[in-house]
Amino acid sequence: MKWIVPISLLIFFELVADIFAKEWLVQSGYILATGALVSYVIANSFWLFALKNGSGLARGAVIFSVASAIVAIILGVFLFKENVTKVQMTGMILGLVAITLIFWND
């Protein structure tokens, strides 16, 4: 499970990049755009370490996608005052079920 830390850092830097990108959308500016691009590069570097340490392409990609989507929705709601529909909330719950099933050991 050495891949948990790189996956976590991947998710963290992806979310930092998303915040920079959203702020760039609202305010513009080269600093915000550069922050987003640099954060995306750092995030994807951790993806390489996660793969090398055994996350597996399928398992790692699903965990990254679902976890980053859930955290992005939470950031969108609380930081940027976006709305979440019932369908989106259902998707978040199903995503949590998916991650639980991926980690389930028989």
N, C-alpha and C. Protein backbone atom coordinates (compact mmCIF):
# COMPACT_ATOMS: atom_id res chain seq x y z
N MET A 1 0.83 -1.20 0.00
CA MET A 1 0.00 0.00 0.00
C MET A 1 0.87 1.26 0.00
N LYS A 2 2.09 1.15 -0.52
CA LYS A 2 2.97 2.31 -0.62
C LYS A 2 2.43 3.35 -1.59
N TRP A 3 1.45 2.99 -2.37
CA TRP A 3 0.91 3.89 -3.39
C TRP A 3 -0.14 4.85 -2.83
N ILE A 4 -0.59 4.65 -1.59
CA ILE A 4 -1.63 5.51 -1.01
C ILE A 4 -1.14 6.95 -0.89
N VAL A 5 0.11 7.14 -0.43
CA VAL A 5 0.64 8.50 -0.27
C VAL A 5 0.73 9.21 -1.62
N PRO A 6 1.32 8.59 -2.66
CA PRO A 6 1.35 9.30 -3.95
C PRO A 6 -0.04 9.59 -4.51
N ILE A 7 -0.99 8.67 -4.34
CA ILE A 7 -2.37 8.93 -4.81
C ILE A 7 -2.97 10.11 -4.05
N SER A 8 -2.73 10.15 -2.75
CA SER A 8 -3.24 11.25 -1.94
C SER A 8 -2.64 12.58 -2.38
N LEU A 9 -1.34 12.60 -2.65
CA LEU A 9 -0.69 13.82 -3.12
C LEU A 9 -1.16 14.19 -4.52
N LEU A 10 -1.41 13.21 -5.35
CA LEU A 10 -1.99 13.45 -6.67
C LEU A 10 -3.33 14.16 -6.53
N ILE A 11 -4.18 13.66 -5.67
CA ILE A 11 -5.50 14.27 -5.46
C ILE A 11 -5.36 15.68 -4.90
N PHE A 12 -4.46 15.85 -3.92
CA PHE A 12 -4.25 17.17 -3.32
C PHE A 12 -3.81 18.20 -4.36
N PHE A 13 -2.77 17.87 -5.14
CA PHE A 13 -2.26 18.84 -6.11
C PHE A 13 -3.24 19.06 -7.27
N GLU A 14 -4.02 18.05 -7.60
CA GLU A 14 -5.07 18.23 -8.61
C GLU A 14 -6.10 19.24 -8.13
N LEU A 15 -6.45 19.16 -6.86
CA LEU A 15 -7.43 20.09 -6.30
C LEU A 15 -6.85 21.50 -6.18
N VAL A 16 -5.56 21.60 -5.83
CA VAL A 16 -4.90 22.91 -5.81
C VAL A 16 -4.94 23.51 -7.21
N ALA A 17 -4.66 22.69 -8.21
CA ALA A 17 -4.70 23.16 -9.60
C ALA A 17 -6.11 23.58 -9.99
N ASP A 18 -7.10 22.83 -9.55
CA ASP A 18 -8.49 23.20 -9.84
C ASP A 18 -8.87 24.54 -9.22
N ILE A 19 -8.38 24.79 -8.01
CA ILE A 19 -8.66 26.07 -7.35
C ILE A 19 -8.00 27.21 -8.13
N PHE A 20 -6.73 27.02 -8.49
CA PHE A 20 -6.05 28.04 -9.31
C PHE A 20 -6.80 28.27 -10.62
N ALA A 21 -7.23 27.19 -11.26
CA ALA A 21 -7.93 27.31 -12.55
C ALA A 21 -9.25 28.05 -12.39
N LYS A 22 -10.00 27.73 -11.34
CA LYS A 22 -11.28 28.41 -11.11
C LYS A 22 -11.05 29.89 -10.80
N GLU A 23 -10.04 30.19 -10.00
CA GLU A 23 -9.71 31.59 -9.70
C GLU A 23 -9.26 32.31 -10.96
N TRP A 24 -8.51 31.63 -11.81
CA TRP A 24 -8.07 32.23 -13.07
C TRP A 24 -9.28 32.55 -13.95
N LEU A 25 -10.27 31.66 -13.93
CA LEU A 25 -11.49 31.89 -14.70
C LEU A 25 -12.19 33.16 -14.24
N VAL A 26 -12.21 33.39 -12.94
CA VAL A 26 -12.90 34.54 -12.36
C VAL A 26 -12.07 35.82 -12.49
N GLN A 27 -10.77 35.72 -12.21
CA GLN A 27 -9.94 36.92 -12.10
C GLN A 27 -8.95 37.12 -13.25
N SER A 28 -8.64 36.09 -13.99
CA SER A 28 -7.57 36.09 -14.99
C SER A 28 -6.21 36.28 -14.31
N GLY A 29 -5.19 36.44 -15.09
CA GLY A 29 -3.85 36.66 -14.56
C GLY A 29 -2.93 35.49 -14.82
N TYR A 30 -1.69 35.84 -15.17
CA TYR A 30 -0.70 34.82 -15.49
C TYR A 30 -0.27 34.01 -14.27
N ILE A 31 -0.28 34.62 -13.10
CA ILE A 31 0.15 33.90 -11.90
C ILE A 31 -0.81 32.76 -11.60
N LEU A 32 -2.10 33.02 -11.70
CA LEU A 32 -3.09 31.96 -11.44
C LEU A 32 -3.00 30.85 -12.49
N ALA A 33 -2.85 31.23 -13.75
CA ALA A 33 -2.73 30.22 -14.81
C ALA A 33 -1.46 29.39 -14.63
N THR A 34 -0.36 30.05 -14.29
CA THR A 34 0.89 29.33 -14.06
C THR A 34 0.77 28.41 -12.85
N GLY A 35 0.12 28.89 -11.79
CA GLY A 35 -0.10 28.05 -10.61
C GLY A 35 -0.89 26.80 -10.95
N ALA A 36 -1.91 26.97 -11.78
CA ALA A 36 -2.71 25.81 -12.20
C ALA A 36 -1.87 24.82 -13.00
N LEU A 37 -1.14 25.32 -13.98
CA LEU A 37 -0.34 24.43 -14.82
C LEU A 37 0.75 23.71 -14.03
N VAL A 38 1.43 24.44 -13.15
CA VAL A 38 2.48 23.81 -12.33
C VAL A 38 1.87 22.76 -11.41
N SER A 39 0.74 23.07 -10.82
CA SER A 39 0.08 22.11 -9.92
C SER A 39 -0.37 20.86 -10.67
N TYR A 40 -0.86 21.03 -11.90
CA TYR A 40 -1.24 19.85 -12.70
C TYR A 40 -0.03 18.98 -13.01
N VAL A 41 1.11 19.59 -13.31
CA VAL A 41 2.33 18.83 -13.60
C VAL A 41 2.79 18.07 -12.35
N ILE A 42 2.79 18.76 -11.21
CA ILE A 42 3.17 18.10 -9.96
C ILE A 42 2.22 16.94 -9.66
N ALA A 43 0.92 17.18 -9.82
CA ALA A 43 -0.07 16.13 -9.56
C ALA A 43 0.20 14.90 -10.42
N ASN A 44 0.42 15.12 -11.69
CA ASN A 44 0.63 13.97 -12.59
C ASN A 44 1.97 13.29 -12.36
N SER A 45 2.93 14.00 -11.78
CA SER A 45 4.18 13.36 -11.38
C SER A 45 3.91 12.35 -10.27
N PHE A 46 3.04 12.70 -9.34
CA PHE A 46 2.69 11.75 -8.28
C PHE A 46 1.92 10.56 -8.82
N TRP A 47 1.20 10.73 -9.92
CA TRP A 47 0.52 9.61 -10.57
C TRP A 47 1.54 8.56 -11.00
N LEU A 48 2.68 9.03 -11.54
CA LEU A 48 3.73 8.09 -11.94
C LEU A 48 4.25 7.30 -10.75
N PHE A 49 4.45 7.97 -9.61
CA PHE A 49 4.92 7.29 -8.41
C PHE A 49 3.87 6.31 -7.89
N ALA A 50 2.60 6.68 -7.98
CA ALA A 50 1.54 5.77 -7.54
C ALA A 50 1.54 4.50 -8.39
N LEU A 51 1.67 4.67 -9.69
CA LEU A 51 1.71 3.49 -10.57
C LEU A 51 2.93 2.63 -10.27
N LYS A 52 4.08 3.27 -10.09
CA LYS A 52 5.32 2.53 -9.83
C LYS A 52 5.25 1.77 -8.51
N ASN A 53 4.49 2.30 -7.55
CA ASN A 53 4.40 1.67 -6.23
C ASN A 53 3.22 0.74 -6.07
N GLY A 54 2.54 0.40 -7.17
CA GLY A 54 1.56 -0.67 -7.12
C GLY A 54 0.09 -0.29 -7.09
N SER A 55 -0.25 0.95 -7.42
CA SER A 55 -1.67 1.31 -7.39
C SER A 55 -2.46 0.56 -8.45
N GLY A 56 -1.80 0.22 -9.54
CA GLY A 56 -2.50 -0.39 -10.66
C GLY A 56 -3.23 0.68 -11.45
N LEU A 57 -3.27 0.55 -12.73
CA LEU A 57 -3.91 1.55 -13.58
C LEU A 57 -5.41 1.64 -13.31
N ALA A 58 -6.09 0.51 -13.29
CA ALA A 58 -7.54 0.52 -13.12
C ALA A 58 -7.93 1.00 -11.73
N ARG A 59 -7.36 0.39 -10.70
CA ARG A 59 -7.71 0.76 -9.32
C ARG A 59 -7.30 2.21 -9.04
N GLY A 60 -6.09 2.58 -9.40
CA GLY A 60 -5.61 3.93 -9.12
C GLY A 60 -6.41 4.99 -9.84
N ALA A 61 -6.75 4.74 -11.09
CA ALA A 61 -7.51 5.72 -11.86
C ALA A 61 -8.91 5.93 -11.28
N VAL A 62 -9.55 4.85 -10.85
CA VAL A 62 -10.89 4.97 -10.28
C VAL A 62 -10.82 5.71 -8.95
N ILE A 63 -9.87 5.35 -8.10
CA ILE A 63 -9.74 6.02 -6.81
C ILE A 63 -9.46 7.51 -7.01
N PHE A 64 -8.53 7.82 -7.91
CA PHE A 64 -8.21 9.23 -8.18
C PHE A 64 -9.43 9.97 -8.72
N SER A 65 -10.10 9.40 -9.70
CA SER A 65 -11.23 10.08 -10.33
C SER A 65 -12.36 10.33 -9.35
N VAL A 66 -12.73 9.31 -8.61
CA VAL A 66 -13.86 9.45 -7.68
C VAL A 66 -13.51 10.38 -6.52
N ALA A 67 -12.35 10.17 -5.92
CA ALA A 67 -11.97 10.99 -4.77
C ALA A 67 -11.80 12.45 -5.16
N SER A 68 -11.15 12.71 -6.28
CA SER A 68 -10.96 14.11 -6.68
C SER A 68 -12.28 14.75 -7.08
N ALA A 69 -13.19 13.98 -7.66
CA ALA A 69 -14.51 14.53 -8.01
C ALA A 69 -15.30 14.88 -6.75
N ILE A 70 -15.28 14.01 -5.76
CA ILE A 70 -16.01 14.27 -4.53
C ILE A 70 -15.45 15.49 -3.82
N VAL A 71 -14.13 15.57 -3.70
CA VAL A 71 -13.53 16.71 -3.03
C VAL A 71 -13.74 17.99 -3.84
N ALA A 72 -13.70 17.90 -5.16
CA ALA A 72 -13.94 19.07 -6.00
C ALA A 72 -15.37 19.59 -5.82
N ILE A 73 -16.32 18.68 -5.70
CA ILE A 73 -17.71 19.10 -5.46
C ILE A 73 -17.81 19.79 -4.11
N ILE A 74 -17.17 19.23 -3.11
CA ILE A 74 -17.19 19.85 -1.77
C ILE A 74 -16.55 21.24 -1.82
N LEU A 75 -15.40 21.37 -2.49
CA LEU A 75 -14.77 22.69 -2.64
C LEU A 75 -15.67 23.64 -3.41
N GLY A 76 -16.28 23.15 -4.46
CA GLY A 76 -17.18 23.99 -5.25
C GLY A 76 -18.34 24.53 -4.43
N VAL A 77 -18.89 23.68 -3.59
CA VAL A 77 -20.03 24.09 -2.77
C VAL A 77 -19.61 25.08 -1.69
N PHE A 78 -18.55 24.75 -0.96
CA PHE A 78 -18.19 25.57 0.20
C PHE A 78 -17.29 26.76 -0.14
N LEU A 79 -16.41 26.60 -1.11
CA LEU A 79 -15.47 27.68 -1.44
C LEU A 79 -16.03 28.62 -2.50
N PHE A 80 -16.69 28.04 -3.51
CA PHE A 80 -17.16 28.85 -4.63
C PHE A 80 -18.68 28.99 -4.68
N LYS A 81 -19.37 28.50 -3.67
CA LYS A 81 -20.82 28.65 -3.52
C LYS A 81 -21.62 28.09 -4.70
N GLU A 82 -21.14 26.97 -5.25
CA GLU A 82 -21.85 26.31 -6.34
C GLU A 82 -22.94 25.41 -5.75
N ASN A 83 -23.90 25.05 -6.55
CA ASN A 83 -25.00 24.19 -6.11
C ASN A 83 -24.74 22.74 -6.51
N VAL A 84 -25.23 21.81 -5.68
CA VAL A 84 -25.15 20.38 -5.98
C VAL A 84 -26.58 19.87 -6.13
N THR A 85 -26.83 19.22 -7.25
CA THR A 85 -28.16 18.66 -7.49
C THR A 85 -28.29 17.31 -6.79
N LYS A 86 -29.51 16.81 -6.74
CA LYS A 86 -29.74 15.49 -6.16
C LYS A 86 -29.03 14.40 -6.95
N VAL A 87 -28.99 14.56 -8.26
CA VAL A 87 -28.31 13.58 -9.11
C VAL A 87 -26.81 13.59 -8.82
N GLN A 88 -26.22 14.78 -8.66
CA GLN A 88 -24.80 14.87 -8.34
C GLN A 88 -24.51 14.26 -6.96
N MET A 89 -25.39 14.52 -6.00
CA MET A 89 -25.21 13.94 -4.67
C MET A 89 -25.29 12.43 -4.74
N THR A 90 -26.21 11.91 -5.54
CA THR A 90 -26.31 10.46 -5.75
C THR A 90 -25.02 9.92 -6.35
N GLY A 91 -24.45 10.64 -7.29
CA GLY A 91 -23.18 10.25 -7.90
C GLY A 91 -22.06 10.20 -6.88
N MET A 92 -22.03 11.18 -5.97
CA MET A 92 -21.01 11.17 -4.92
C MET A 92 -21.16 9.95 -4.03
N ILE A 93 -22.37 9.61 -3.67
CA ILE A 93 -22.61 8.44 -2.81
C ILE A 93 -22.20 7.16 -3.54
N LEU A 94 -22.56 7.06 -4.80
CA LEU A 94 -22.16 5.88 -5.57
C LEU A 94 -20.64 5.81 -5.72
N GLY A 95 -19.99 6.97 -5.85
CA GLY A 95 -18.53 7.02 -5.90
C GLY A 95 -17.90 6.49 -4.62
N LEU A 96 -18.47 6.86 -3.48
CA LEU A 96 -17.96 6.35 -2.21
C LEU A 96 -18.15 4.84 -2.11
N VAL A 97 -19.29 4.36 -2.61
CA VAL A 97 -19.52 2.91 -2.65
C VAL A 97 -18.47 2.24 -3.54
N ALA A 98 -18.17 2.85 -4.68
CA ALA A 98 -17.17 2.29 -5.60
C ALA A 98 -15.80 2.19 -4.93
N ILE A 99 -15.38 3.25 -4.24
CA ILE A 99 -14.09 3.22 -3.55
C ILE A 99 -14.09 2.15 -2.46
N THR A 100 -15.18 2.03 -1.73
CA THR A 100 -15.28 1.01 -0.69
C THR A 100 -15.12 -0.38 -1.29
N LEU A 101 -15.79 -0.62 -2.41
CA LEU A 101 -15.71 -1.93 -3.05
C LEU A 101 -14.31 -2.21 -3.61
N ILE A 102 -13.63 -1.18 -4.07
CA ILE A 102 -12.26 -1.36 -4.60
C ILE A 102 -11.32 -1.79 -3.47
N PHE A 103 -11.51 -1.25 -2.27
CA PHE A 103 -10.64 -1.59 -1.15
C PHE A 103 -11.09 -2.84 -0.42
N TRP A 104 -12.24 -3.37 -0.77
CA TRP A 104 -12.79 -4.55 -0.09
C TRP A 104 -11.92 -5.76 -0.37
N ASN A 105 -11.53 -6.45 0.67
CA ASN A 105 -10.76 -7.70 0.51
C ASN A 105 -11.63 -8.87 0.92
N ASP A 106 -11.65 -9.90 0.08
CA ASP A 106 -12.44 -11.09 0.42
C ASP A 106 -11.76 -11.92 1.47
